[in-house]
Amino acid sequence: MIRVALVLTLTILIAGCVSTRNRHGYVMERGESELSADVGIDSKDSIIARYGEPSVRPPLNDDVWYYISTATNARAFYNPDTTNRTIVAFKFDEEGKVIEVAEYDLEDGIPVNLVDRETPTRGKELTIIEQLLGSVGQLPAITEGQGNGP
């Protein structure tokens, strides 16, 4: 009995250490090695026919389309690490023809430092017990049309 519990516990612990790999965004089809276009020949229609809808289309300027692919690796409860990122940008002229194809990878990215300040709010800080038991014993508000009276 103790051996079974020990084996079960070890199995659960080992399963928690398994890394998980995920891919997000544009996934290349079999046989595709890169996203490319012939400058001056390909158009918006031919790009959509070949690669489908882009990952990002800027709302105010439809002259650049971005196809983004990201691969991440996560282990247990740690934050996932981005192992690969590819961004292919197709730039179009006024007639919808491709004028440039640019490719960016993980090294081209710029790290963004997030601000850890918090906006103060008015109110009361509740303890865990107050949060759990705060509504115990309170009756719901009776609105017009509810209740037994006329």
N, C-alpha and C. Protein backbone atom coordinates (compact mmCIF):
# COMPACT_ATOMS: atom_id res chain seq x y z
N MET A 1 0.83 -1.19 0.00
CA MET A 1 0.00 0.00 0.00
C MET A 1 0.87 1.26 0.00
N ILE A 2 1.93 1.23 0.82
CA ILE A 2 2.82 2.39 0.88
C ILE A 2 3.57 2.54 -0.43
N ARG A 3 3.95 1.42 -1.04
CA ARG A 3 4.65 1.49 -2.32
C ARG A 3 3.77 2.09 -3.41
N VAL A 4 2.51 1.71 -3.42
CA VAL A 4 1.59 2.24 -4.42
C VAL A 4 1.44 3.76 -4.24
N ALA A 5 1.29 4.20 -3.01
CA ALA A 5 1.16 5.64 -2.73
C ALA A 5 2.43 6.37 -3.12
N LEU A 6 3.59 5.78 -2.84
CA LEU A 6 4.86 6.40 -3.19
C LEU A 6 5.03 6.51 -4.71
N VAL A 7 4.69 5.45 -5.43
CA VAL A 7 4.80 5.45 -6.89
C VAL A 7 3.82 6.48 -7.48
N LEU A 8 2.61 6.54 -6.95
CA LEU A 8 1.63 7.50 -7.43
C LEU A 8 2.10 8.93 -7.18
N THR A 9 2.65 9.20 -6.01
CA THR A 9 3.16 10.53 -5.68
C THR A 9 4.32 10.92 -6.59
N LEU A 10 5.25 10.01 -6.81
CA LEU A 10 6.38 10.29 -7.69
C LEU A 10 5.93 10.53 -9.14
N THR A 11 4.94 9.78 -9.57
CA THR A 11 4.43 9.96 -10.92
C THR A 11 3.81 11.34 -11.09
N ILE A 12 3.05 11.79 -10.11
CA ILE A 12 2.44 13.12 -10.18
C ILE A 12 3.51 14.20 -10.15
N LEU A 13 4.53 14.04 -9.31
CA LEU A 13 5.60 15.03 -9.24
C LEU A 13 6.39 15.11 -10.54
N ILE A 14 6.68 13.98 -11.13
CA ILE A 14 7.43 13.96 -12.39
C ILE A 14 6.59 14.56 -13.52
N ALA A 15 5.28 14.28 -13.52
CA ALA A 15 4.41 14.82 -14.56
C ALA A 15 4.35 16.34 -14.50
N GLY A 16 4.50 16.91 -13.32
CA GLY A 16 4.49 18.36 -13.18
C GLY A 16 5.73 19.02 -13.75
N CYS A 17 6.78 18.27 -13.97
CA CYS A 17 8.04 18.82 -14.48
C CYS A 17 8.16 18.72 -16.00
N VAL A 18 7.17 18.17 -16.65
CA VAL A 18 7.23 18.01 -18.10
C VAL A 18 7.12 19.38 -18.76
N SER A 19 7.95 19.62 -19.75
CA SER A 19 7.87 20.90 -20.45
C SER A 19 6.79 20.82 -21.52
N THR A 20 6.18 21.96 -21.78
CA THR A 20 5.10 22.07 -22.76
C THR A 20 5.53 23.04 -23.84
N ARG A 21 5.49 22.60 -25.07
CA ARG A 21 5.84 23.46 -26.20
C ARG A 21 4.56 23.85 -26.92
N ASN A 22 4.44 25.15 -27.20
CA ASN A 22 3.26 25.67 -27.90
C ASN A 22 3.69 26.51 -29.08
N ARG A 23 2.85 26.51 -30.10
CA ARG A 23 3.05 27.38 -31.26
C ARG A 23 1.80 28.23 -31.40
N HIS A 24 2.00 29.52 -31.64
CA HIS A 24 0.89 30.46 -31.79
C HIS A 24 1.08 31.24 -33.08
N GLY A 25 -0.01 31.70 -33.62
CA GLY A 25 0.05 32.52 -34.82
C GLY A 25 0.06 31.69 -36.09
N TYR A 26 0.73 32.19 -37.10
CA TYR A 26 0.76 31.53 -38.40
C TYR A 26 1.63 30.28 -38.33
N VAL A 27 1.09 29.17 -38.76
CA VAL A 27 1.84 27.90 -38.80
C VAL A 27 2.03 27.54 -40.27
N MET A 28 3.27 27.33 -40.66
CA MET A 28 3.58 27.03 -42.06
C MET A 28 3.04 25.66 -42.45
N GLU A 29 2.57 25.58 -43.68
CA GLU A 29 2.08 24.32 -44.22
C GLU A 29 3.25 23.40 -44.54
N ARG A 30 2.95 22.15 -44.75
CA ARG A 30 4.01 21.20 -45.13
C ARG A 30 4.60 21.63 -46.46
N GLY A 31 5.90 21.61 -46.52
CA GLY A 31 6.60 22.00 -47.73
C GLY A 31 6.98 23.47 -47.77
N GLU A 32 6.39 24.28 -46.89
CA GLU A 32 6.74 25.70 -46.84
C GLU A 32 7.97 25.87 -45.96
N SER A 33 8.92 26.66 -46.44
CA SER A 33 10.09 26.95 -45.62
C SER A 33 10.14 28.42 -45.22
N GLU A 34 9.47 29.27 -45.99
CA GLU A 34 9.44 30.69 -45.67
C GLU A 34 8.24 31.33 -46.37
N LEU A 35 7.89 32.50 -45.91
CA LEU A 35 6.84 33.29 -46.57
C LEU A 35 7.54 34.26 -47.51
N SER A 36 7.16 34.22 -48.76
CA SER A 36 7.83 35.09 -49.73
C SER A 36 6.81 35.61 -50.73
N ALA A 37 7.21 36.62 -51.45
CA ALA A 37 6.37 37.21 -52.50
C ALA A 37 7.27 37.86 -53.53
N ASP A 38 6.80 37.92 -54.74
CA ASP A 38 7.52 38.58 -55.81
C ASP A 38 7.14 40.06 -55.82
N VAL A 39 8.13 40.91 -55.59
CA VAL A 39 7.89 42.35 -55.52
C VAL A 39 7.40 42.84 -56.88
N GLY A 40 6.31 43.62 -56.87
CA GLY A 40 5.75 44.18 -58.10
C GLY A 40 4.81 43.24 -58.83
N ILE A 41 4.83 41.96 -58.49
CA ILE A 41 3.97 40.99 -59.18
C ILE A 41 2.84 40.54 -58.27
N ASP A 42 3.17 40.11 -57.07
CA ASP A 42 2.14 39.64 -56.13
C ASP A 42 1.31 40.81 -55.62
N SER A 43 0.04 40.51 -55.33
CA SER A 43 -0.88 41.53 -54.82
C SER A 43 -1.49 41.03 -53.51
N LYS A 44 -2.35 41.86 -52.93
CA LYS A 44 -3.03 41.47 -51.70
C LYS A 44 -3.83 40.19 -51.90
N ASP A 45 -4.50 40.08 -53.04
CA ASP A 45 -5.30 38.88 -53.32
C ASP A 45 -4.44 37.63 -53.42
N SER A 46 -3.28 37.73 -54.06
CA SER A 46 -2.42 36.55 -54.21
C SER A 46 -1.79 36.16 -52.86
N ILE A 47 -1.51 37.14 -52.01
CA ILE A 47 -0.96 36.83 -50.68
C ILE A 47 -2.01 36.12 -49.83
N ILE A 48 -3.25 36.60 -49.87
CA ILE A 48 -4.32 35.94 -49.11
C ILE A 48 -4.58 34.54 -49.67
N ALA A 49 -4.54 34.39 -50.99
CA ALA A 49 -4.76 33.07 -51.58
C ALA A 49 -3.66 32.09 -51.18
N ARG A 50 -2.44 32.58 -51.07
CA ARG A 50 -1.31 31.71 -50.75
C ARG A 50 -1.18 31.41 -49.26
N TYR A 51 -1.33 32.44 -48.40
CA TYR A 51 -1.05 32.29 -46.97
C TYR A 51 -2.26 32.47 -46.05
N GLY A 52 -3.38 32.88 -46.59
CA GLY A 52 -4.55 33.12 -45.76
C GLY A 52 -4.52 34.51 -45.15
N GLU A 53 -5.48 34.77 -44.27
CA GLU A 53 -5.57 36.08 -43.63
C GLU A 53 -4.33 36.32 -42.76
N PRO A 54 -3.83 37.56 -42.73
CA PRO A 54 -2.65 37.85 -41.91
C PRO A 54 -3.00 37.84 -40.41
N SER A 55 -1.97 37.70 -39.59
CA SER A 55 -2.15 37.73 -38.14
C SER A 55 -2.58 39.11 -37.69
N VAL A 56 -2.00 40.16 -38.28
CA VAL A 56 -2.30 41.54 -37.90
C VAL A 56 -2.46 42.38 -39.16
N ARG A 57 -3.55 43.14 -39.18
CA ARG A 57 -3.78 44.16 -40.21
C ARG A 57 -4.05 45.45 -39.47
N PRO A 58 -3.16 46.43 -39.57
CA PRO A 58 -3.40 47.69 -38.85
C PRO A 58 -4.75 48.29 -39.25
N PRO A 59 -5.52 48.74 -38.27
CA PRO A 59 -6.88 49.21 -38.57
C PRO A 59 -6.95 50.49 -39.40
N LEU A 60 -5.98 51.36 -39.27
CA LEU A 60 -6.05 52.63 -39.99
C LEU A 60 -5.23 52.65 -41.26
N ASN A 61 -4.36 51.65 -41.45
CA ASN A 61 -3.48 51.64 -42.61
C ASN A 61 -3.36 50.19 -43.08
N ASP A 62 -4.01 49.87 -44.19
CA ASP A 62 -4.02 48.50 -44.69
C ASP A 62 -2.89 48.25 -45.69
N ASP A 63 -1.81 49.04 -45.59
CA ASP A 63 -0.70 48.91 -46.52
C ASP A 63 0.40 47.97 -46.03
N VAL A 64 0.29 47.46 -44.81
CA VAL A 64 1.26 46.51 -44.28
C VAL A 64 0.50 45.37 -43.60
N TRP A 65 0.84 44.15 -43.96
CA TRP A 65 0.24 42.97 -43.32
C TRP A 65 1.35 42.21 -42.61
N TYR A 66 1.03 41.70 -41.42
CA TYR A 66 2.01 40.97 -40.62
C TYR A 66 1.55 39.53 -40.40
N TYR A 67 2.43 38.59 -40.68
CA TYR A 67 2.22 37.18 -40.38
C TYR A 67 3.17 36.84 -39.23
N ILE A 68 2.62 36.51 -38.07
CA ILE A 68 3.41 36.31 -36.86
C ILE A 68 3.33 34.86 -36.43
N SER A 69 4.48 34.29 -36.10
CA SER A 69 4.56 32.93 -35.59
C SER A 69 5.45 32.93 -34.36
N THR A 70 4.96 32.34 -33.26
CA THR A 70 5.71 32.32 -32.00
C THR A 70 5.73 30.91 -31.44
N ALA A 71 6.89 30.49 -30.96
CA ALA A 71 7.03 29.20 -30.29
C ALA A 71 7.47 29.45 -28.85
N THR A 72 6.79 28.80 -27.90
CA THR A 72 7.12 28.97 -26.49
C THR A 72 7.37 27.61 -25.85
N ASN A 73 8.09 27.65 -24.74
CA ASN A 73 8.38 26.45 -23.97
C ASN A 73 8.09 26.78 -22.51
N ALA A 74 7.24 26.00 -21.87
CA ALA A 74 6.87 26.25 -20.47
C ALA A 74 7.15 24.98 -19.66
N ARG A 75 7.61 25.18 -18.44
CA ARG A 75 7.87 24.06 -17.54
C ARG A 75 7.16 24.34 -16.23
N ALA A 76 6.29 23.41 -15.84
CA ALA A 76 5.55 23.44 -14.58
C ALA A 76 4.88 24.79 -14.40
N PHE A 77 5.16 25.48 -13.32
CA PHE A 77 4.49 26.73 -12.99
C PHE A 77 5.33 27.96 -13.35
N TYR A 78 6.45 27.79 -14.02
CA TYR A 78 7.29 28.92 -14.41
C TYR A 78 6.69 29.64 -15.61
N ASN A 79 7.07 30.90 -15.79
CA ASN A 79 6.61 31.66 -16.95
C ASN A 79 7.16 31.03 -18.22
N PRO A 80 6.38 31.00 -19.29
CA PRO A 80 6.88 30.41 -20.53
C PRO A 80 8.00 31.25 -21.14
N ASP A 81 8.95 30.57 -21.76
CA ASP A 81 10.05 31.22 -22.47
C ASP A 81 9.73 31.21 -23.96
N THR A 82 9.90 32.34 -24.61
CA THR A 82 9.73 32.40 -26.06
C THR A 82 11.01 31.91 -26.70
N THR A 83 10.91 30.81 -27.42
CA THR A 83 12.09 30.22 -28.03
C THR A 83 12.31 30.67 -29.47
N ASN A 84 11.22 31.06 -30.14
CA ASN A 84 11.34 31.47 -31.54
C ASN A 84 10.18 32.40 -31.88
N ARG A 85 10.48 33.45 -32.61
CA ARG A 85 9.44 34.35 -33.10
C ARG A 85 9.84 34.80 -34.48
N THR A 86 8.91 34.69 -35.41
CA THR A 86 9.14 35.14 -36.77
C THR A 86 7.99 36.05 -37.18
N ILE A 87 8.34 37.22 -37.69
CA ILE A 87 7.34 38.16 -38.18
C ILE A 87 7.71 38.49 -39.62
N VAL A 88 6.78 38.25 -40.52
CA VAL A 88 6.98 38.59 -41.93
C VAL A 88 6.00 39.71 -42.26
N ALA A 89 6.53 40.82 -42.73
CA ALA A 89 5.72 41.98 -43.06
C ALA A 89 5.69 42.15 -44.58
N PHE A 90 4.48 42.18 -45.14
CA PHE A 90 4.29 42.46 -46.55
C PHE A 90 3.83 43.90 -46.67
N LYS A 91 4.59 44.73 -47.39
CA LYS A 91 4.22 46.13 -47.58
C LYS A 91 3.69 46.30 -49.00
N PHE A 92 2.58 47.05 -49.12
CA PHE A 92 1.90 47.20 -50.40
C PHE A 92 1.89 48.67 -50.82
N ASP A 93 1.79 48.90 -52.14
CA ASP A 93 1.63 50.26 -52.65
C ASP A 93 0.15 50.60 -52.73
N GLU A 94 -0.18 51.74 -53.32
CA GLU A 94 -1.57 52.19 -53.40
C GLU A 94 -2.43 51.26 -54.25
N GLU A 95 -1.81 50.57 -55.20
CA GLU A 95 -2.55 49.67 -56.08
C GLU A 95 -2.69 48.27 -55.51
N GLY A 96 -2.10 48.02 -54.34
CA GLY A 96 -2.21 46.71 -53.71
C GLY A 96 -1.14 45.73 -54.12
N LYS A 97 -0.08 46.20 -54.79
CA LYS A 97 1.04 45.33 -55.19
C LYS A 97 2.10 45.34 -54.10
N VAL A 98 2.80 44.22 -53.96
CA VAL A 98 3.86 44.09 -52.95
C VAL A 98 5.05 44.95 -53.37
N ILE A 99 5.51 45.81 -52.45
CA ILE A 99 6.69 46.62 -52.73
C ILE A 99 7.88 46.20 -51.85
N GLU A 100 7.60 45.47 -50.75
CA GLU A 100 8.69 45.03 -49.89
C GLU A 100 8.21 43.88 -49.00
N VAL A 101 9.14 42.95 -48.76
CA VAL A 101 8.90 41.86 -47.82
C VAL A 101 10.00 41.93 -46.78
N ALA A 102 9.63 42.13 -45.52
CA ALA A 102 10.61 42.23 -44.43
C ALA A 102 10.37 41.11 -43.44
N GLU A 103 11.46 40.53 -42.95
CA GLU A 103 11.36 39.45 -41.97
C GLU A 103 12.10 39.84 -40.71
N TYR A 104 11.45 39.63 -39.57
CA TYR A 104 12.03 39.94 -38.27
C TYR A 104 12.01 38.68 -37.42
N ASP A 105 13.00 38.58 -36.52
CA ASP A 105 13.02 37.42 -35.63
C ASP A 105 13.12 37.88 -34.19
N LEU A 106 13.37 36.95 -33.30
CA LEU A 106 13.37 37.23 -31.86
C LEU A 106 14.41 38.27 -31.48
N GLU A 107 15.56 38.27 -32.15
CA GLU A 107 16.63 39.22 -31.82
C GLU A 107 16.27 40.66 -32.22
N ASP A 108 15.34 40.82 -33.16
CA ASP A 108 14.94 42.16 -33.59
C ASP A 108 13.97 42.84 -32.62
N GLY A 109 13.44 42.07 -31.69
CA GLY A 109 12.48 42.62 -30.74
C GLY A 109 13.14 43.51 -29.71
N ILE A 110 12.37 44.41 -29.14
CA ILE A 110 12.85 45.33 -28.12
C ILE A 110 12.17 44.96 -26.80
N PRO A 111 12.95 44.66 -25.76
CA PRO A 111 12.31 44.35 -24.47
C PRO A 111 11.61 45.57 -23.90
N VAL A 112 10.44 45.35 -23.34
CA VAL A 112 9.66 46.42 -22.75
C VAL A 112 9.65 46.23 -21.24
N ASN A 113 10.09 47.25 -20.52
CA ASN A 113 10.06 47.20 -19.06
C ASN A 113 8.70 47.68 -18.58
N LEU A 114 8.00 46.81 -17.91
CA LEU A 114 6.69 47.16 -17.41
C LEU A 114 6.83 47.93 -16.10
N VAL A 115 5.96 48.89 -15.91
CA VAL A 115 5.95 49.68 -14.68
C VAL A 115 5.20 48.88 -13.62
N ASP A 116 5.79 48.74 -12.44
CA ASP A 116 5.15 47.94 -11.40
C ASP A 116 4.40 48.79 -10.38
N ARG A 117 4.21 50.06 -10.68
CA ARG A 117 3.43 50.91 -9.79
C ARG A 117 1.96 50.53 -9.87
N GLU A 118 1.25 50.80 -8.78
CA GLU A 118 -0.18 50.52 -8.75
C GLU A 118 -0.94 51.82 -8.52
N THR A 119 -2.10 51.93 -9.13
CA THR A 119 -2.93 53.09 -8.93
C THR A 119 -3.67 52.93 -7.61
N PRO A 120 -3.53 53.88 -6.69
CA PRO A 120 -4.24 53.74 -5.41
C PRO A 120 -5.74 53.92 -5.61
N THR A 121 -6.49 53.13 -4.87
CA THR A 121 -7.94 53.23 -4.92
C THR A 121 -8.47 53.51 -3.53
N ARG A 122 -9.58 54.20 -3.48
CA ARG A 122 -10.19 54.44 -2.19
C ARG A 122 -10.99 53.21 -1.81
N GLY A 123 -11.09 52.99 -0.55
CA GLY A 123 -11.86 51.85 -0.08
C GLY A 123 -11.14 51.16 1.05
N LYS A 124 -11.66 50.05 1.42
CA LYS A 124 -11.15 49.32 2.58
C LYS A 124 -10.46 48.05 2.10
N GLU A 125 -9.31 47.77 2.68
CA GLU A 125 -8.63 46.52 2.40
C GLU A 125 -9.30 45.42 3.24
N LEU A 126 -9.76 44.39 2.58
CA LEU A 126 -10.44 43.30 3.27
C LEU A 126 -9.47 42.15 3.49
N THR A 127 -9.58 41.53 4.66
CA THR A 127 -8.79 40.33 4.92
C THR A 127 -9.44 39.16 4.22
N ILE A 128 -8.76 38.03 4.20
CA ILE A 128 -9.30 36.84 3.55
C ILE A 128 -10.60 36.41 4.23
N ILE A 129 -10.62 36.45 5.55
CA ILE A 129 -11.82 36.05 6.29
C ILE A 129 -12.98 36.99 5.96
N GLU A 130 -12.73 38.29 5.90
CA GLU A 130 -13.78 39.24 5.56
C GLU A 130 -14.30 39.02 4.14
N GLN A 131 -13.42 38.64 3.23
CA GLN A 131 -13.84 38.38 1.87
C GLN A 131 -14.70 37.13 1.80
N LEU A 132 -14.31 36.09 2.53
CA LEU A 132 -15.05 34.83 2.50
C LEU A 132 -16.40 34.94 3.21
N LEU A 133 -16.44 35.64 4.34
CA LEU A 133 -17.63 35.68 5.16
C LEU A 133 -18.37 37.01 5.07
N GLY A 134 -17.97 37.89 4.17
CA GLY A 134 -18.54 39.23 4.10
C GLY A 134 -20.01 39.27 3.76
N SER A 135 -20.51 38.34 2.97
CA SER A 135 -21.91 38.39 2.57
C SER A 135 -22.77 37.39 3.33
N VAL A 136 -22.20 36.69 4.30
CA VAL A 136 -22.97 35.72 5.08
C VAL A 136 -23.96 36.48 5.95
N GLY A 137 -25.21 36.10 5.90
CA GLY A 137 -26.23 36.71 6.73
C GLY A 137 -26.89 37.92 6.13
N GLN A 138 -26.42 38.39 4.99
CA GLN A 138 -27.04 39.54 4.35
C GLN A 138 -28.14 39.07 3.42
N LEU A 139 -29.27 39.76 3.47
CA LEU A 139 -30.39 39.41 2.60
C LEU A 139 -30.28 40.19 1.31
N PRO A 140 -30.73 39.59 0.21
CA PRO A 140 -30.69 40.33 -1.05
C PRO A 140 -31.69 41.49 -1.01
N ALA A 141 -31.40 42.53 -1.75
CA ALA A 141 -32.27 43.70 -1.80
C ALA A 141 -33.55 43.34 -2.53
N ILE A 142 -34.67 43.81 -1.98
CA ILE A 142 -35.97 43.56 -2.63
C ILE A 142 -36.25 44.74 -3.53
N THR A 143 -36.51 44.42 -4.79
CA THR A 143 -36.82 45.45 -5.77
C THR A 143 -38.31 45.53 -5.98
N GLU A 144 -38.77 46.57 -6.63
CA GLU A 144 -40.19 46.76 -6.86
C GLU A 144 -40.73 45.61 -7.69
N GLY A 145 -41.83 45.07 -7.33
CA GLY A 145 -42.45 43.95 -8.05
C GLY A 145 -42.11 42.62 -7.43
N GLN A 146 -41.22 42.60 -6.45
CA GLN A 146 -40.89 41.35 -5.78
C GLN A 146 -41.56 41.35 -4.41
N GLY A 147 -41.65 40.21 -3.81
CA GLY A 147 -42.20 40.13 -2.46
C GLY A 147 -43.63 39.63 -2.49
N ASN A 148 -44.24 39.55 -1.28
CA ASN A 148 -45.58 38.99 -1.15
C ASN A 148 -46.65 40.07 -1.09
N GLY A 149 -46.27 41.29 -0.84
CA GLY A 149 -47.26 42.36 -0.65
C GLY A 149 -47.83 42.86 -1.96
N PRO A 150 -48.90 43.71 -1.86
CA PRO A 150 -49.53 44.26 -3.08
C PRO A 150 -48.68 45.30 -3.75
